[in-house]
Structures are given as C-alpha cells and as structure tokens.
Amino acid sequence: MQKTPEGLFVEPILILDDHAAILGCIGDMLRFENYSVLEASTGLQAIEISKKCGPLSLFVTDVSLPDGSGIDIALRLVALYPELPVLVISGNPMDWWASKDVSNFSRFPPNNVDFLEKPFSASELYMRVRNLIGRRSQRNEAA
C-alpha cells in the first residue's frame, strides 16, 4: 500500500495488456476507484516496473501476449512477491487456453488468483479486484 501526499492509502495495481485501448480502459476504471495504477504492454516491462515500484497489491494480466504468456509473467512476479494476488483476464474461456497456461494457472494458490473473461463489466472488475486485495489484506493481518 502506498500513501498519497494527502495521507490517504492507495493500493498499487500493475496491469499488463498488449492492447493499448484495453490497457487504458482497465487503468481508467481502476483509477476511478482510487487505485494507483501502473501499466505495462510487455512482460519484460511489467517485471521491470514491479522491481522499481516495490510491493504491489495486485497484478492484472491478459493471458495472450505477443512476447509470451501473461500467466508465465505472473508466476515470475509471484516468485519475487509470494503474497501477490493475480487477476487473469482473457477473451477466451479457460477451455480454449494452451494446456501450458491451464497447467500454470493451477500453480497459483487458489485464494491468490482469479479469472475474468472479456468482455466484462466495470462492476465485475471492481468486485474481483476488491476480493483479491481483501484476501491479501486478511492474510497479512493474520500473520
């Protein structure tokens, strides 16, 4: 969690999507809900941003990227930050994913990952984001 100059706490969220319009739209929706949003259009950029900005409250990623799989990038980030929750988004149902992506998706702790199929509503996105960040906060309070 980061603190604003006004003393408010904001949850930093990193979004990875190779489509600029989708990346901007998700970013705008989350900013409207007062999240601190970081955007990346490649897997390498997402990893670099995460290393520079410090602990994230959530990583949102598309599955299919030109430079690899968003799930592979998410696993690399979770290796760096084990408590990082992940929201995977895709225009394809899970049944259509590559078998490697399905297998890797199951490697995340069940309470630390969720899947949202495109197209989705703003309210569905907000609910999934709040749930994932809320579970993380509950785990940190219990520790």
N, C-alpha and C. Protein backbone atom coordinates (compact mmCIF):
# COMPACT_ATOMS: atom_id res chain seq x y z
N MET A 1 0.84 -1.17 0.00
CA MET A 1 0.00 0.00 0.00
C MET A 1 0.90 1.24 0.00
N GLN A 2 0.50 2.25 -0.74
CA GLN A 2 1.25 3.50 -0.82
C GLN A 2 0.43 4.62 -0.20
N LYS A 3 1.13 5.65 0.27
CA LYS A 3 0.46 6.79 0.88
C LYS A 3 0.55 7.99 -0.06
N THR A 4 -0.59 8.66 -0.25
CA THR A 4 -0.62 9.86 -1.10
C THR A 4 -0.15 11.05 -0.28
N PRO A 5 0.17 12.19 -0.94
CA PRO A 5 0.55 13.39 -0.19
C PRO A 5 -0.53 13.85 0.79
N GLU A 6 -1.78 13.50 0.49
CA GLU A 6 -2.89 13.88 1.38
C GLU A 6 -3.01 12.94 2.58
N GLY A 7 -2.16 11.91 2.64
CA GLY A 7 -2.20 10.98 3.75
C GLY A 7 -3.13 9.80 3.54
N LEU A 8 -3.68 9.66 2.34
CA LEU A 8 -4.57 8.54 2.05
C LEU A 8 -3.74 7.34 1.57
N PHE A 9 -4.20 6.16 1.88
CA PHE A 9 -3.53 4.95 1.41
C PHE A 9 -4.18 4.48 0.12
N VAL A 10 -3.36 4.14 -0.86
CA VAL A 10 -3.87 3.62 -2.13
C VAL A 10 -3.21 2.28 -2.42
N GLU A 11 -3.95 1.43 -3.09
CA GLU A 11 -3.46 0.11 -3.45
C GLU A 11 -2.82 0.18 -4.84
N PRO A 12 -1.51 -0.11 -4.97
CA PRO A 12 -0.89 -0.11 -6.29
C PRO A 12 -1.20 -1.39 -7.08
N ILE A 13 -1.70 -1.21 -8.28
CA ILE A 13 -2.07 -2.32 -9.15
C ILE A 13 -1.29 -2.19 -10.45
N LEU A 14 -0.67 -3.29 -10.88
CA LEU A 14 0.03 -3.33 -12.16
C LEU A 14 -0.83 -4.10 -13.16
N ILE A 15 -1.06 -3.47 -14.31
CA ILE A 15 -1.86 -4.08 -15.38
C ILE A 15 -0.95 -4.37 -16.57
N LEU A 16 -1.06 -5.59 -17.11
CA LEU A 16 -0.30 -5.98 -18.30
C LEU A 16 -1.27 -6.40 -19.39
N ASP A 17 -1.26 -5.64 -20.49
CA ASP A 17 -2.06 -5.99 -21.67
C ASP A 17 -1.39 -5.36 -22.89
N ASP A 18 -1.31 -6.11 -23.98
CA ASP A 18 -0.64 -5.59 -25.17
C ASP A 18 -1.54 -4.72 -26.03
N HIS A 19 -2.82 -4.67 -25.75
CA HIS A 19 -3.73 -3.80 -26.48
C HIS A 19 -3.89 -2.48 -25.71
N ALA A 20 -3.41 -1.40 -26.31
CA ALA A 20 -3.40 -0.10 -25.62
C ALA A 20 -4.79 0.33 -25.16
N ALA A 21 -5.80 0.10 -25.99
CA ALA A 21 -7.15 0.53 -25.62
C ALA A 21 -7.66 -0.22 -24.39
N ILE A 22 -7.43 -1.52 -24.35
CA ILE A 22 -7.87 -2.32 -23.19
C ILE A 22 -7.07 -1.94 -21.95
N LEU A 23 -5.77 -1.78 -22.12
CA LEU A 23 -4.90 -1.37 -21.01
C LEU A 23 -5.37 -0.04 -20.42
N GLY A 24 -5.63 0.92 -21.30
CA GLY A 24 -6.09 2.24 -20.85
C GLY A 24 -7.46 2.18 -20.20
N CYS A 25 -8.35 1.38 -20.76
CA CYS A 25 -9.71 1.28 -20.23
C CYS A 25 -9.71 0.67 -18.82
N ILE A 26 -8.99 -0.44 -18.64
CA ILE A 26 -8.91 -1.06 -17.31
C ILE A 26 -8.24 -0.11 -16.34
N GLY A 27 -7.18 0.54 -16.80
CA GLY A 27 -6.48 1.50 -15.94
C GLY A 27 -7.40 2.64 -15.50
N ASP A 28 -8.15 3.18 -16.44
CA ASP A 28 -9.08 4.27 -16.11
C ASP A 28 -10.16 3.82 -15.13
N MET A 29 -10.70 2.61 -15.33
CA MET A 29 -11.72 2.11 -14.42
C MET A 29 -11.18 1.98 -13.00
N LEU A 30 -9.95 1.48 -12.87
CA LEU A 30 -9.38 1.30 -11.54
C LEU A 30 -8.95 2.63 -10.91
N ARG A 31 -8.48 3.55 -11.73
CA ARG A 31 -8.16 4.89 -11.20
C ARG A 31 -9.42 5.58 -10.68
N PHE A 32 -10.54 5.37 -11.36
CA PHE A 32 -11.81 5.94 -10.94
C PHE A 32 -12.18 5.44 -9.53
N GLU A 33 -11.73 4.24 -9.20
CA GLU A 33 -11.98 3.66 -7.87
C GLU A 33 -10.84 3.98 -6.90
N ASN A 34 -9.97 4.93 -7.28
CA ASN A 34 -8.88 5.44 -6.44
C ASN A 34 -7.74 4.45 -6.20
N TYR A 35 -7.53 3.55 -7.14
CA TYR A 35 -6.34 2.69 -7.07
C TYR A 35 -5.19 3.41 -7.76
N SER A 36 -3.99 3.12 -7.34
CA SER A 36 -2.79 3.62 -8.00
C SER A 36 -2.45 2.60 -9.09
N VAL A 37 -2.51 3.02 -10.35
CA VAL A 37 -2.38 2.09 -11.46
C VAL A 37 -1.06 2.29 -12.20
N LEU A 38 -0.39 1.18 -12.44
CA LEU A 38 0.81 1.13 -13.27
C LEU A 38 0.46 0.28 -14.47
N GLU A 39 0.95 0.66 -15.66
CA GLU A 39 0.58 -0.04 -16.88
C GLU A 39 1.82 -0.53 -17.61
N ALA A 40 1.72 -1.76 -18.14
CA ALA A 40 2.79 -2.35 -18.93
C ALA A 40 2.18 -3.00 -20.17
N SER A 41 2.90 -2.91 -21.29
CA SER A 41 2.39 -3.51 -22.52
C SER A 41 3.20 -4.74 -22.94
N THR A 42 4.28 -5.04 -22.21
CA THR A 42 5.07 -6.26 -22.46
C THR A 42 5.39 -6.92 -21.12
N GLY A 43 5.69 -8.20 -21.18
CA GLY A 43 6.06 -8.93 -19.97
C GLY A 43 7.30 -8.36 -19.32
N LEU A 44 8.31 -8.06 -20.13
CA LEU A 44 9.56 -7.51 -19.60
C LEU A 44 9.31 -6.18 -18.91
N GLN A 45 8.50 -5.35 -19.52
CA GLN A 45 8.15 -4.05 -18.93
C GLN A 45 7.44 -4.25 -17.58
N ALA A 46 6.56 -5.22 -17.48
CA ALA A 46 5.85 -5.49 -16.23
C ALA A 46 6.82 -5.90 -15.13
N ILE A 47 7.77 -6.74 -15.45
CA ILE A 47 8.75 -7.18 -14.45
C ILE A 47 9.62 -6.01 -14.00
N GLU A 48 10.07 -5.20 -14.95
CA GLU A 48 10.89 -4.03 -14.61
C GLU A 48 10.11 -3.05 -13.73
N ILE A 49 8.86 -2.78 -14.06
CA ILE A 49 8.04 -1.86 -13.27
C ILE A 49 7.87 -2.40 -11.86
N SER A 50 7.60 -3.69 -11.74
CA SER A 50 7.36 -4.26 -10.41
C SER A 50 8.61 -4.17 -9.53
N LYS A 51 9.77 -4.33 -10.12
CA LYS A 51 11.01 -4.24 -9.35
C LYS A 51 11.28 -2.82 -8.89
N LYS A 52 10.88 -1.82 -9.70
CA LYS A 52 11.12 -0.41 -9.37
C LYS A 52 10.13 0.13 -8.35
N CYS A 53 8.87 -0.32 -8.43
CA CYS A 53 7.84 0.32 -7.61
C CYS A 53 7.67 -0.32 -6.24
N GLY A 54 8.21 -1.50 -6.03
CA GLY A 54 8.07 -2.15 -4.73
C GLY A 54 6.81 -2.99 -4.67
N PRO A 55 6.37 -3.31 -3.47
CA PRO A 55 5.24 -4.24 -3.32
C PRO A 55 3.97 -3.74 -4.01
N LEU A 56 3.35 -4.65 -4.72
CA LEU A 56 2.09 -4.37 -5.41
C LEU A 56 0.95 -5.00 -4.62
N SER A 57 -0.23 -4.45 -4.76
CA SER A 57 -1.41 -5.04 -4.14
C SER A 57 -2.09 -6.05 -5.05
N LEU A 58 -1.84 -5.92 -6.38
CA LEU A 58 -2.49 -6.81 -7.34
C LEU A 58 -1.78 -6.71 -8.69
N PHE A 59 -1.74 -7.84 -9.38
CA PHE A 59 -1.25 -7.89 -10.77
C PHE A 59 -2.39 -8.37 -11.64
N VAL A 60 -2.75 -7.58 -12.66
CA VAL A 60 -3.81 -7.92 -13.61
C VAL A 60 -3.13 -8.17 -14.94
N THR A 61 -3.37 -9.33 -15.54
CA THR A 61 -2.70 -9.64 -16.80
C THR A 61 -3.61 -10.35 -17.79
N ASP A 62 -3.40 -10.04 -19.06
CA ASP A 62 -4.03 -10.78 -20.14
C ASP A 62 -3.26 -12.09 -20.27
N VAL A 63 -3.90 -13.12 -20.79
CA VAL A 63 -3.23 -14.41 -20.97
C VAL A 63 -2.32 -14.36 -22.19
N SER A 64 -2.85 -13.94 -23.33
CA SER A 64 -2.11 -13.99 -24.58
C SER A 64 -1.40 -12.68 -24.86
N LEU A 65 -0.09 -12.76 -24.94
CA LEU A 65 0.75 -11.59 -25.24
C LEU A 65 1.69 -11.95 -26.39
N PRO A 66 2.08 -10.98 -27.21
CA PRO A 66 2.99 -11.28 -28.32
C PRO A 66 4.34 -11.83 -27.84
N ASP A 67 4.78 -11.41 -26.66
CA ASP A 67 6.09 -11.84 -26.18
C ASP A 67 6.00 -12.99 -25.17
N GLY A 68 4.86 -13.68 -25.10
CA GLY A 68 4.74 -14.81 -24.18
C GLY A 68 3.39 -14.85 -23.52
N SER A 69 3.34 -15.57 -22.43
CA SER A 69 2.10 -15.75 -21.69
C SER A 69 2.06 -14.84 -20.47
N GLY A 70 0.92 -14.19 -20.28
CA GLY A 70 0.75 -13.38 -19.08
C GLY A 70 0.81 -14.21 -17.81
N ILE A 71 0.40 -15.47 -17.91
CA ILE A 71 0.46 -16.36 -16.74
C ILE A 71 1.91 -16.65 -16.38
N ASP A 72 2.78 -16.82 -17.38
CA ASP A 72 4.21 -17.01 -17.10
C ASP A 72 4.80 -15.79 -16.41
N ILE A 73 4.41 -14.60 -16.86
CA ILE A 73 4.89 -13.36 -16.23
C ILE A 73 4.37 -13.29 -14.80
N ALA A 74 3.11 -13.64 -14.60
CA ALA A 74 2.53 -13.63 -13.25
C ALA A 74 3.29 -14.57 -12.32
N LEU A 75 3.64 -15.76 -12.81
CA LEU A 75 4.41 -16.70 -11.99
C LEU A 75 5.78 -16.12 -11.62
N ARG A 76 6.40 -15.41 -12.54
CA ARG A 76 7.70 -14.78 -12.24
C ARG A 76 7.53 -13.71 -11.17
N LEU A 77 6.45 -12.93 -11.25
CA LEU A 77 6.22 -11.89 -10.24
C LEU A 77 5.88 -12.50 -8.88
N VAL A 78 5.11 -13.57 -8.88
CA VAL A 78 4.78 -14.24 -7.62
C VAL A 78 6.03 -14.87 -7.00
N ALA A 79 6.98 -15.29 -7.84
CA ALA A 79 8.25 -15.80 -7.30
C ALA A 79 9.01 -14.68 -6.58
N LEU A 80 8.88 -13.45 -7.08
CA LEU A 80 9.52 -12.30 -6.43
C LEU A 80 8.72 -11.83 -5.21
N TYR A 81 7.39 -11.87 -5.32
CA TYR A 81 6.49 -11.37 -4.28
C TYR A 81 5.44 -12.45 -3.99
N PRO A 82 5.74 -13.41 -3.12
CA PRO A 82 4.87 -14.58 -2.91
C PRO A 82 3.43 -14.28 -2.52
N GLU A 83 3.17 -13.14 -1.92
CA GLU A 83 1.81 -12.81 -1.49
C GLU A 83 1.00 -12.07 -2.56
N LEU A 84 1.59 -11.85 -3.74
CA LEU A 84 0.95 -11.05 -4.78
C LEU A 84 -0.26 -11.77 -5.37
N PRO A 85 -1.46 -11.18 -5.25
CA PRO A 85 -2.62 -11.76 -5.92
C PRO A 85 -2.61 -11.43 -7.41
N VAL A 86 -3.22 -12.30 -8.20
CA VAL A 86 -3.21 -12.17 -9.65
C VAL A 86 -4.64 -12.31 -10.19
N LEU A 87 -5.01 -11.36 -11.05
CA LEU A 87 -6.26 -11.44 -11.78
C LEU A 87 -5.91 -11.65 -13.25
N VAL A 88 -6.29 -12.79 -13.77
CA VAL A 88 -6.02 -13.14 -15.17
C VAL A 88 -7.26 -12.80 -15.98
N ILE A 89 -7.06 -12.09 -17.09
CA ILE A 89 -8.16 -11.76 -17.98
C ILE A 89 -7.88 -12.35 -19.36
N SER A 90 -8.95 -12.70 -20.06
CA SER A 90 -8.78 -13.25 -21.40
C SER A 90 -10.08 -13.15 -22.17
N GLY A 91 -9.96 -12.99 -23.46
CA GLY A 91 -11.13 -13.01 -24.33
C GLY A 91 -11.58 -14.43 -24.65
N ASN A 92 -10.80 -15.40 -24.20
CA ASN A 92 -11.13 -16.81 -24.43
C ASN A 92 -11.45 -17.50 -23.11
N PRO A 93 -12.43 -18.39 -23.13
CA PRO A 93 -12.68 -19.18 -21.92
C PRO A 93 -11.48 -20.08 -21.63
N MET A 94 -11.35 -20.49 -20.40
CA MET A 94 -10.20 -21.30 -19.99
C MET A 94 -10.06 -22.58 -20.83
N ASP A 95 -11.18 -23.12 -21.29
CA ASP A 95 -11.14 -24.34 -22.11
C ASP A 95 -10.35 -24.15 -23.41
N TRP A 96 -10.23 -22.91 -23.86
CA TRP A 96 -9.53 -22.64 -25.11
C TRP A 96 -8.07 -22.27 -24.91
N TRP A 97 -7.63 -22.13 -23.67
CA TRP A 97 -6.24 -21.76 -23.40
C TRP A 97 -5.30 -22.89 -23.81
N ALA A 98 -4.04 -22.51 -24.03
CA ALA A 98 -2.99 -23.51 -24.25
C ALA A 98 -2.88 -24.36 -22.99
N SER A 99 -2.58 -25.64 -23.16
CA SER A 99 -2.51 -26.54 -22.00
C SER A 99 -1.48 -26.06 -20.98
N LYS A 100 -0.40 -25.46 -21.46
CA LYS A 100 0.62 -24.93 -20.55
C LYS A 100 0.04 -23.83 -19.66
N ASP A 101 -0.78 -22.95 -20.22
CA ASP A 101 -1.38 -21.88 -19.44
C ASP A 101 -2.36 -22.43 -18.40
N VAL A 102 -3.15 -23.42 -18.79
CA VAL A 102 -4.09 -24.05 -17.84
C VAL A 102 -3.31 -24.69 -16.70
N SER A 103 -2.27 -25.41 -17.03
CA SER A 103 -1.44 -26.07 -16.03
C SER A 103 -0.78 -25.05 -15.10
N ASN A 104 -0.23 -23.98 -15.68
CA ASN A 104 0.42 -22.94 -14.86
C ASN A 104 -0.57 -22.18 -14.00
N PHE A 105 -1.79 -21.99 -14.49
CA PHE A 105 -2.82 -21.31 -13.70
C PHE A 105 -3.08 -22.07 -12.41
N SER A 106 -3.03 -23.38 -12.48
CA SER A 106 -3.28 -24.20 -11.28
C SER A 106 -2.13 -24.16 -10.28
N ARG A 107 -0.99 -23.57 -10.65
CA ARG A 107 0.15 -23.45 -9.73
C ARG A 107 -0.01 -22.33 -8.72
N PHE A 108 -0.94 -21.41 -8.96
CA PHE A 108 -1.17 -20.31 -8.03
C PHE A 108 -1.98 -20.82 -6.83
N PRO A 109 -1.73 -20.27 -5.65
CA PRO A 109 -2.61 -20.61 -4.53
C PRO A 109 -4.05 -20.20 -4.87
N PRO A 110 -5.04 -21.04 -4.61
CA PRO A 110 -6.42 -20.78 -5.03
C PRO A 110 -6.97 -19.43 -4.56
N ASN A 111 -6.60 -18.98 -3.38
CA ASN A 111 -7.11 -17.70 -2.87
C ASN A 111 -6.33 -16.50 -3.39
N ASN A 112 -5.31 -16.76 -4.21
CA ASN A 112 -4.46 -15.67 -4.71
C ASN A 112 -4.65 -15.42 -6.20
N VAL A 113 -5.60 -16.09 -6.82
CA VAL A 113 -5.77 -15.95 -8.26
C VAL A 113 -7.26 -16.00 -8.61
N ASP A 114 -7.60 -15.27 -9.67
CA ASP A 114 -8.97 -15.30 -10.17
C ASP A 114 -8.90 -15.09 -11.68
N PHE A 115 -9.97 -15.46 -12.37
CA PHE A 115 -10.05 -15.34 -13.82
C PHE A 115 -11.29 -14.54 -14.19
N LEU A 116 -11.12 -13.61 -15.12
CA LEU A 116 -12.22 -12.77 -15.59
C LEU A 116 -12.20 -12.79 -17.12
N GLU A 117 -13.30 -13.26 -17.71
CA GLU A 117 -13.37 -13.36 -19.16
C GLU A 117 -13.88 -12.06 -19.77
N LYS A 118 -13.20 -11.61 -20.85
CA LYS A 118 -13.63 -10.43 -21.59
C LYS A 118 -14.80 -10.82 -22.48
N PRO A 119 -15.73 -9.96 -22.75
CA PRO A 119 -15.87 -8.63 -22.14
C PRO A 119 -16.47 -8.76 -20.74
N PHE A 120 -16.13 -7.80 -19.89
CA PHE A 120 -16.65 -7.80 -18.53
C PHE A 120 -17.11 -6.40 -18.18
N SER A 121 -17.96 -6.33 -17.17
CA SER A 121 -18.48 -5.03 -16.73
C SER A 121 -17.53 -4.41 -15.71
N ALA A 122 -17.65 -3.12 -15.55
CA ALA A 122 -16.85 -2.43 -14.53
C ALA A 122 -17.15 -3.00 -13.15
N SER A 123 -18.42 -3.27 -12.87
CA SER A 123 -18.76 -3.78 -11.53
C SER A 123 -18.15 -5.16 -11.29
N GLU A 124 -18.07 -6.00 -12.33
CA GLU A 124 -17.43 -7.31 -12.20
C GLU A 124 -15.94 -7.15 -11.93
N LEU A 125 -15.30 -6.24 -12.65
CA LEU A 125 -13.88 -5.98 -12.42
C LEU A 125 -13.65 -5.49 -10.99
N TYR A 126 -14.44 -4.51 -10.54
CA TYR A 126 -14.28 -3.96 -9.19
C TYR A 126 -14.44 -5.05 -8.13
N MET A 127 -15.44 -5.92 -8.32
CA MET A 127 -15.68 -6.98 -7.35
C MET A 127 -14.48 -7.93 -7.26
N ARG A 128 -13.96 -8.34 -8.40
CA ARG A 128 -12.82 -9.27 -8.41
C ARG A 128 -11.59 -8.62 -7.79
N VAL A 129 -11.34 -7.36 -8.13
CA VAL A 129 -10.18 -6.64 -7.58
C VAL A 129 -10.30 -6.51 -6.07
N ARG A 130 -11.46 -6.06 -5.59
CA ARG A 130 -11.66 -5.91 -4.13
C ARG A 130 -11.51 -7.24 -3.41
N ASN A 131 -12.05 -8.31 -3.99
CA ASN A 131 -11.94 -9.62 -3.36
C ASN A 131 -10.49 -10.08 -3.24
N LEU A 132 -9.73 -9.95 -4.32
CA LEU A 132 -8.34 -10.38 -4.28
C LEU A 132 -7.51 -9.54 -3.32
N ILE A 133 -7.68 -8.23 -3.37
CA ILE A 133 -6.92 -7.36 -2.47
C ILE A 133 -7.37 -7.58 -1.02
N GLY A 134 -8.66 -7.79 -0.81
CA GLY A 134 -9.18 -8.04 0.53
C GLY A 134 -8.64 -9.31 1.13
N ARG A 135 -8.54 -10.38 0.33
CA ARG A 135 -7.96 -11.64 0.82
C ARG A 135 -6.51 -11.44 1.23
N ARG A 136 -5.78 -10.66 0.43
CA ARG A 136 -4.37 -10.40 0.74
C ARG A 136 -4.26 -9.64 2.06
N SER A 137 -5.11 -8.64 2.25
CA SER A 137 -5.10 -7.85 3.49
C SER A 137 -5.42 -8.74 4.68
N GLN A 138 -6.39 -9.65 4.53
CA GLN A 138 -6.75 -10.55 5.63
C GLN A 138 -5.59 -11.47 5.97
N ARG A 139 -4.87 -11.97 4.96
CA ARG A 139 -3.72 -12.84 5.24
C ARG A 139 -2.63 -12.07 5.97
N ASN A 140 -2.39 -10.82 5.54
CA ASN A 140 -1.34 -10.02 6.18
C ASN A 140 -1.71 -9.68 7.62
N GLU A 141 -2.99 -9.43 7.90
CA GLU A 141 -3.42 -9.13 9.26
C GLU A 141 -3.31 -10.36 10.15
N ALA A 142 -3.54 -11.54 9.60
CA ALA A 142 -3.49 -12.77 10.37
C ALA A 142 -2.04 -13.17 10.69
N ALA A 143 -1.10 -12.71 9.86
CA ALA A 143 0.31 -13.09 10.04
C ALA A 143 0.94 -12.38 11.21
